[in-house]
Amino acid sequence: MSGVIVHGRWETYGDLILRGWRHQRPEVIQADPRTLIVDELLEEIRQGKARPWVTLDGEVLTIRGSNRTVIYRIGEHLEDYRCHVLEWPD
């Protein structure tokens, strides 16, 4: 868990931890319901430069790991931190 100050209040975010992702589908070690993705990585995904097991459909990011699939909705942009909030859809 980590946190940042957003709109004057402390917000906490979890982790998305993948293992073995270079040449195969990764194992999803941890996928918290709310985490952050840096702008540069999200832009690469939007440009189609992601691994085949990562897809983006509108504002929904899907990661198909070897042991589970994780789906995140891309949320608020945190400009000061150059990242977006990822949250599990309802």
N, C-alpha and C. Protein backbone atom coordinates (compact mmCIF):
# COMPACT_ATOMS: atom_id res chain seq x y z
N MET A 1 0.85 -1.18 0.00
CA MET A 1 0.00 0.00 0.00
C MET A 1 0.88 1.24 0.00
N SER A 2 0.48 2.17 -0.80
CA SER A 2 1.16 3.46 -0.81
C SER A 2 0.09 4.53 -0.89
N GLY A 3 0.51 5.76 -0.77
CA GLY A 3 -0.47 6.83 -0.82
C GLY A 3 0.10 8.12 -1.36
N VAL A 4 -0.81 8.99 -1.78
CA VAL A 4 -0.46 10.31 -2.28
C VAL A 4 -1.54 11.29 -1.83
N ILE A 5 -1.20 12.55 -1.86
CA ILE A 5 -2.18 13.58 -1.53
C ILE A 5 -2.90 13.98 -2.82
N VAL A 6 -4.23 13.81 -2.82
CA VAL A 6 -5.07 14.13 -3.97
C VAL A 6 -6.17 15.06 -3.49
N HIS A 7 -6.27 16.22 -4.12
CA HIS A 7 -7.29 17.22 -3.76
C HIS A 7 -7.25 17.53 -2.26
N GLY A 8 -6.04 17.62 -1.71
CA GLY A 8 -5.87 18.01 -0.33
C GLY A 8 -6.08 16.92 0.70
N ARG A 9 -6.31 15.69 0.26
CA ARG A 9 -6.49 14.60 1.22
C ARG A 9 -5.61 13.41 0.84
N TRP A 10 -5.27 12.60 1.83
CA TRP A 10 -4.41 11.44 1.64
C TRP A 10 -5.23 10.30 1.05
N GLU A 11 -4.79 9.78 -0.08
CA GLU A 11 -5.45 8.64 -0.74
C GLU A 11 -4.49 7.46 -0.76
N THR A 12 -4.98 6.28 -0.46
CA THR A 12 -4.12 5.10 -0.49
C THR A 12 -4.42 4.25 -1.72
N TYR A 13 -3.39 3.60 -2.23
CA TYR A 13 -3.49 2.76 -3.41
C TYR A 13 -2.74 1.47 -3.15
N GLY A 14 -3.23 0.39 -3.74
CA GLY A 14 -2.60 -0.91 -3.58
C GLY A 14 -1.60 -1.19 -4.68
N ASP A 15 -1.36 -2.48 -4.89
CA ASP A 15 -0.33 -2.92 -5.83
C ASP A 15 -0.90 -3.87 -6.87
N LEU A 16 -0.24 -3.88 -8.01
CA LEU A 16 -0.44 -4.90 -9.03
C LEU A 16 0.94 -5.50 -9.26
N ILE A 17 1.11 -6.75 -8.85
CA ILE A 17 2.42 -7.39 -8.93
C ILE A 17 2.33 -8.59 -9.86
N LEU A 18 3.16 -8.57 -10.91
CA LEU A 18 3.22 -9.64 -11.90
C LEU A 18 4.60 -10.26 -11.87
N ARG A 19 4.67 -11.57 -12.16
CA ARG A 19 5.97 -12.24 -12.18
C ARG A 19 6.09 -13.05 -13.47
N GLY A 20 7.26 -12.95 -14.10
CA GLY A 20 7.55 -13.74 -15.29
C GLY A 20 6.91 -13.20 -16.55
N TRP A 21 6.83 -11.91 -16.71
CA TRP A 21 6.07 -11.31 -17.81
C TRP A 21 6.86 -11.06 -19.08
N ARG A 22 8.14 -11.27 -19.12
CA ARG A 22 8.95 -10.92 -20.29
C ARG A 22 8.59 -11.74 -21.53
N HIS A 23 8.48 -13.06 -21.40
CA HIS A 23 8.31 -13.91 -22.58
C HIS A 23 7.06 -14.78 -22.55
N GLN A 24 6.27 -14.66 -21.53
CA GLN A 24 5.08 -15.49 -21.40
C GLN A 24 4.03 -14.73 -20.59
N ARG A 25 2.86 -15.32 -20.49
CA ARG A 25 1.84 -14.72 -19.63
C ARG A 25 2.35 -14.69 -18.21
N PRO A 26 2.18 -13.57 -17.53
CA PRO A 26 2.71 -13.48 -16.17
C PRO A 26 1.80 -14.18 -15.17
N GLU A 27 2.38 -14.49 -14.05
CA GLU A 27 1.59 -14.93 -12.91
C GLU A 27 1.19 -13.67 -12.15
N VAL A 28 -0.09 -13.53 -11.84
CA VAL A 28 -0.56 -12.39 -11.06
C VAL A 28 -0.34 -12.74 -9.59
N ILE A 29 0.63 -12.07 -8.97
CA ILE A 29 0.96 -12.32 -7.56
C ILE A 29 -0.01 -11.57 -6.65
N GLN A 30 -0.28 -10.33 -7.00
CA GLN A 30 -1.19 -9.50 -6.20
C GLN A 30 -1.87 -8.52 -7.13
N ALA A 31 -3.17 -8.35 -6.95
CA ALA A 31 -3.95 -7.38 -7.73
C ALA A 31 -4.96 -6.73 -6.80
N ASP A 32 -4.57 -5.61 -6.24
CA ASP A 32 -5.45 -4.90 -5.33
C ASP A 32 -6.55 -4.19 -6.13
N PRO A 33 -7.69 -3.91 -5.50
CA PRO A 33 -8.82 -3.32 -6.21
C PRO A 33 -8.59 -1.89 -6.69
N ARG A 34 -7.57 -1.23 -6.17
CA ARG A 34 -7.31 0.17 -6.54
C ARG A 34 -5.80 0.38 -6.56
N THR A 35 -5.28 0.78 -7.73
CA THR A 35 -3.84 0.99 -7.86
C THR A 35 -3.60 2.12 -8.86
N LEU A 36 -2.34 2.37 -9.18
CA LEU A 36 -1.97 3.44 -10.10
C LEU A 36 -1.21 2.86 -11.28
N ILE A 37 -1.32 3.52 -12.43
CA ILE A 37 -0.53 3.19 -13.61
C ILE A 37 0.10 4.48 -14.12
N VAL A 38 1.40 4.45 -14.39
CA VAL A 38 2.09 5.65 -14.85
C VAL A 38 1.65 5.99 -16.26
N ASP A 39 1.63 7.27 -16.57
CA ASP A 39 1.18 7.75 -17.88
C ASP A 39 1.94 7.11 -19.04
N GLU A 40 3.26 6.95 -18.89
CA GLU A 40 4.06 6.41 -20.00
C GLU A 40 3.65 4.99 -20.35
N LEU A 41 3.40 4.16 -19.34
CA LEU A 41 2.98 2.78 -19.60
C LEU A 41 1.59 2.74 -20.22
N LEU A 42 0.68 3.54 -19.70
CA LEU A 42 -0.67 3.58 -20.25
C LEU A 42 -0.65 4.05 -21.71
N GLU A 43 0.19 5.01 -22.03
CA GLU A 43 0.30 5.50 -23.40
C GLU A 43 0.83 4.41 -24.33
N GLU A 44 1.81 3.63 -23.88
CA GLU A 44 2.31 2.51 -24.68
C GLU A 44 1.20 1.50 -24.96
N ILE A 45 0.40 1.22 -23.95
CA ILE A 45 -0.72 0.29 -24.13
C ILE A 45 -1.71 0.86 -25.13
N ARG A 46 -2.02 2.15 -25.02
CA ARG A 46 -2.96 2.80 -25.96
C ARG A 46 -2.44 2.78 -27.39
N GLN A 47 -1.13 2.82 -27.56
CA GLN A 47 -0.52 2.79 -28.89
C GLN A 47 -0.37 1.38 -29.44
N GLY A 48 -0.83 0.38 -28.70
CA GLY A 48 -0.76 -1.00 -29.15
C GLY A 48 0.60 -1.65 -28.96
N LYS A 49 1.43 -1.10 -28.08
CA LYS A 49 2.77 -1.62 -27.84
C LYS A 49 2.83 -2.57 -26.65
N ALA A 50 1.68 -2.97 -26.14
CA ALA A 50 1.64 -3.85 -24.97
C ALA A 50 1.84 -5.31 -25.38
N ARG A 51 2.16 -6.14 -24.42
CA ARG A 51 2.24 -7.58 -24.63
C ARG A 51 0.85 -8.09 -25.04
N PRO A 52 0.77 -9.21 -25.74
CA PRO A 52 -0.52 -9.70 -26.22
C PRO A 52 -1.52 -10.04 -25.11
N TRP A 53 -1.06 -10.25 -23.92
CA TRP A 53 -1.96 -10.58 -22.81
C TRP A 53 -2.51 -9.35 -22.11
N VAL A 54 -2.19 -8.15 -22.61
CA VAL A 54 -2.73 -6.90 -22.07
C VAL A 54 -3.58 -6.26 -23.16
N THR A 55 -4.86 -5.99 -22.86
CA THR A 55 -5.73 -5.36 -23.84
C THR A 55 -6.41 -4.14 -23.22
N LEU A 56 -6.77 -3.23 -24.08
CA LEU A 56 -7.47 -2.01 -23.67
C LEU A 56 -8.68 -1.85 -24.57
N ASP A 57 -9.85 -1.80 -23.95
CA ASP A 57 -11.11 -1.61 -24.67
C ASP A 57 -11.76 -0.36 -24.10
N GLY A 58 -11.60 0.75 -24.80
CA GLY A 58 -12.08 2.02 -24.26
C GLY A 58 -11.27 2.39 -23.03
N GLU A 59 -11.92 2.43 -21.90
CA GLU A 59 -11.25 2.75 -20.64
C GLU A 59 -11.19 1.54 -19.71
N VAL A 60 -11.20 0.34 -20.29
CA VAL A 60 -11.12 -0.89 -19.51
C VAL A 60 -9.85 -1.64 -19.88
N LEU A 61 -8.99 -1.83 -18.90
CA LEU A 61 -7.71 -2.51 -19.07
C LEU A 61 -7.84 -3.94 -18.55
N THR A 62 -7.47 -4.92 -19.39
CA THR A 62 -7.55 -6.32 -19.01
C THR A 62 -6.16 -6.94 -19.08
N ILE A 63 -5.80 -7.64 -18.03
CA ILE A 63 -4.51 -8.34 -17.96
C ILE A 63 -4.83 -9.82 -17.76
N ARG A 64 -4.46 -10.64 -18.74
CA ARG A 64 -4.74 -12.07 -18.68
C ARG A 64 -3.47 -12.80 -18.22
N GLY A 65 -3.41 -13.06 -16.94
CA GLY A 65 -2.26 -13.76 -16.39
C GLY A 65 -2.39 -15.26 -16.55
N SER A 66 -1.35 -15.98 -16.19
CA SER A 66 -1.37 -17.44 -16.29
C SER A 66 -2.30 -18.06 -15.25
N ASN A 67 -2.52 -17.36 -14.15
CA ASN A 67 -3.34 -17.91 -13.08
C ASN A 67 -4.67 -17.18 -12.86
N ARG A 68 -4.82 -15.99 -13.42
CA ARG A 68 -6.08 -15.25 -13.28
C ARG A 68 -6.10 -14.06 -14.21
N THR A 69 -7.29 -13.55 -14.45
CA THR A 69 -7.48 -12.35 -15.27
C THR A 69 -7.89 -11.21 -14.34
N VAL A 70 -7.29 -10.05 -14.56
CA VAL A 70 -7.59 -8.87 -13.75
C VAL A 70 -8.12 -7.79 -14.69
N ILE A 71 -9.22 -7.17 -14.30
CA ILE A 71 -9.84 -6.11 -15.10
C ILE A 71 -9.89 -4.84 -14.27
N TYR A 72 -9.41 -3.75 -14.87
CA TYR A 72 -9.42 -2.44 -14.21
C TYR A 72 -10.12 -1.42 -15.10
N ARG A 73 -10.85 -0.53 -14.48
CA ARG A 73 -11.39 0.65 -15.16
C ARG A 73 -10.38 1.77 -14.96
N ILE A 74 -10.04 2.45 -16.04
CA ILE A 74 -9.10 3.58 -15.95
C ILE A 74 -9.88 4.78 -15.43
N GLY A 75 -9.40 5.33 -14.33
CA GLY A 75 -10.11 6.42 -13.68
C GLY A 75 -9.38 7.75 -13.77
N GLU A 76 -9.46 8.47 -12.71
CA GLU A 76 -8.95 9.83 -12.62
C GLU A 76 -7.47 9.94 -12.98
N HIS A 77 -7.14 11.00 -13.69
CA HIS A 77 -5.74 11.31 -14.00
C HIS A 77 -5.18 12.17 -12.88
N LEU A 78 -4.07 11.75 -12.30
CA LEU A 78 -3.40 12.51 -11.25
C LEU A 78 -2.21 13.22 -11.89
N GLU A 79 -2.45 14.39 -12.40
CA GLU A 79 -1.45 15.12 -13.19
C GLU A 79 -0.15 15.36 -12.42
N ASP A 80 -0.24 15.71 -11.14
CA ASP A 80 0.96 15.99 -10.35
C ASP A 80 1.87 14.76 -10.23
N TYR A 81 1.28 13.57 -10.35
CA TYR A 81 2.05 12.33 -10.20
C TYR A 81 2.25 11.60 -11.53
N ARG A 82 1.70 12.17 -12.62
CA ARG A 82 1.80 11.60 -13.97
C ARG A 82 1.34 10.14 -14.01
N CYS A 83 0.13 9.92 -13.48
CA CYS A 83 -0.41 8.57 -13.48
C CYS A 83 -1.94 8.64 -13.48
N HIS A 84 -2.56 7.49 -13.70
CA HIS A 84 -4.00 7.33 -13.64
C HIS A 84 -4.35 6.33 -12.54
N VAL A 85 -5.52 6.49 -11.98
CA VAL A 85 -6.06 5.55 -11.00
C VAL A 85 -6.66 4.37 -11.78
N LEU A 86 -6.37 3.15 -11.35
CA LEU A 86 -7.02 1.95 -11.87
C LEU A 86 -7.88 1.37 -10.76
N GLU A 87 -9.13 1.03 -11.10
CA GLU A 87 -10.03 0.46 -10.11
C GLU A 87 -10.79 -0.71 -10.71
N TRP A 88 -11.06 -1.72 -9.87
CA TRP A 88 -11.91 -2.80 -10.34
C TRP A 88 -13.27 -2.23 -10.69
N PRO A 89 -13.85 -2.67 -11.79
CA PRO A 89 -15.20 -2.18 -12.12
C PRO A 89 -16.22 -2.69 -11.10
N ASP A 90 -17.32 -1.98 -11.02
CA ASP A 90 -18.39 -2.38 -10.07
C ASP A 90 -19.01 -3.70 -10.46
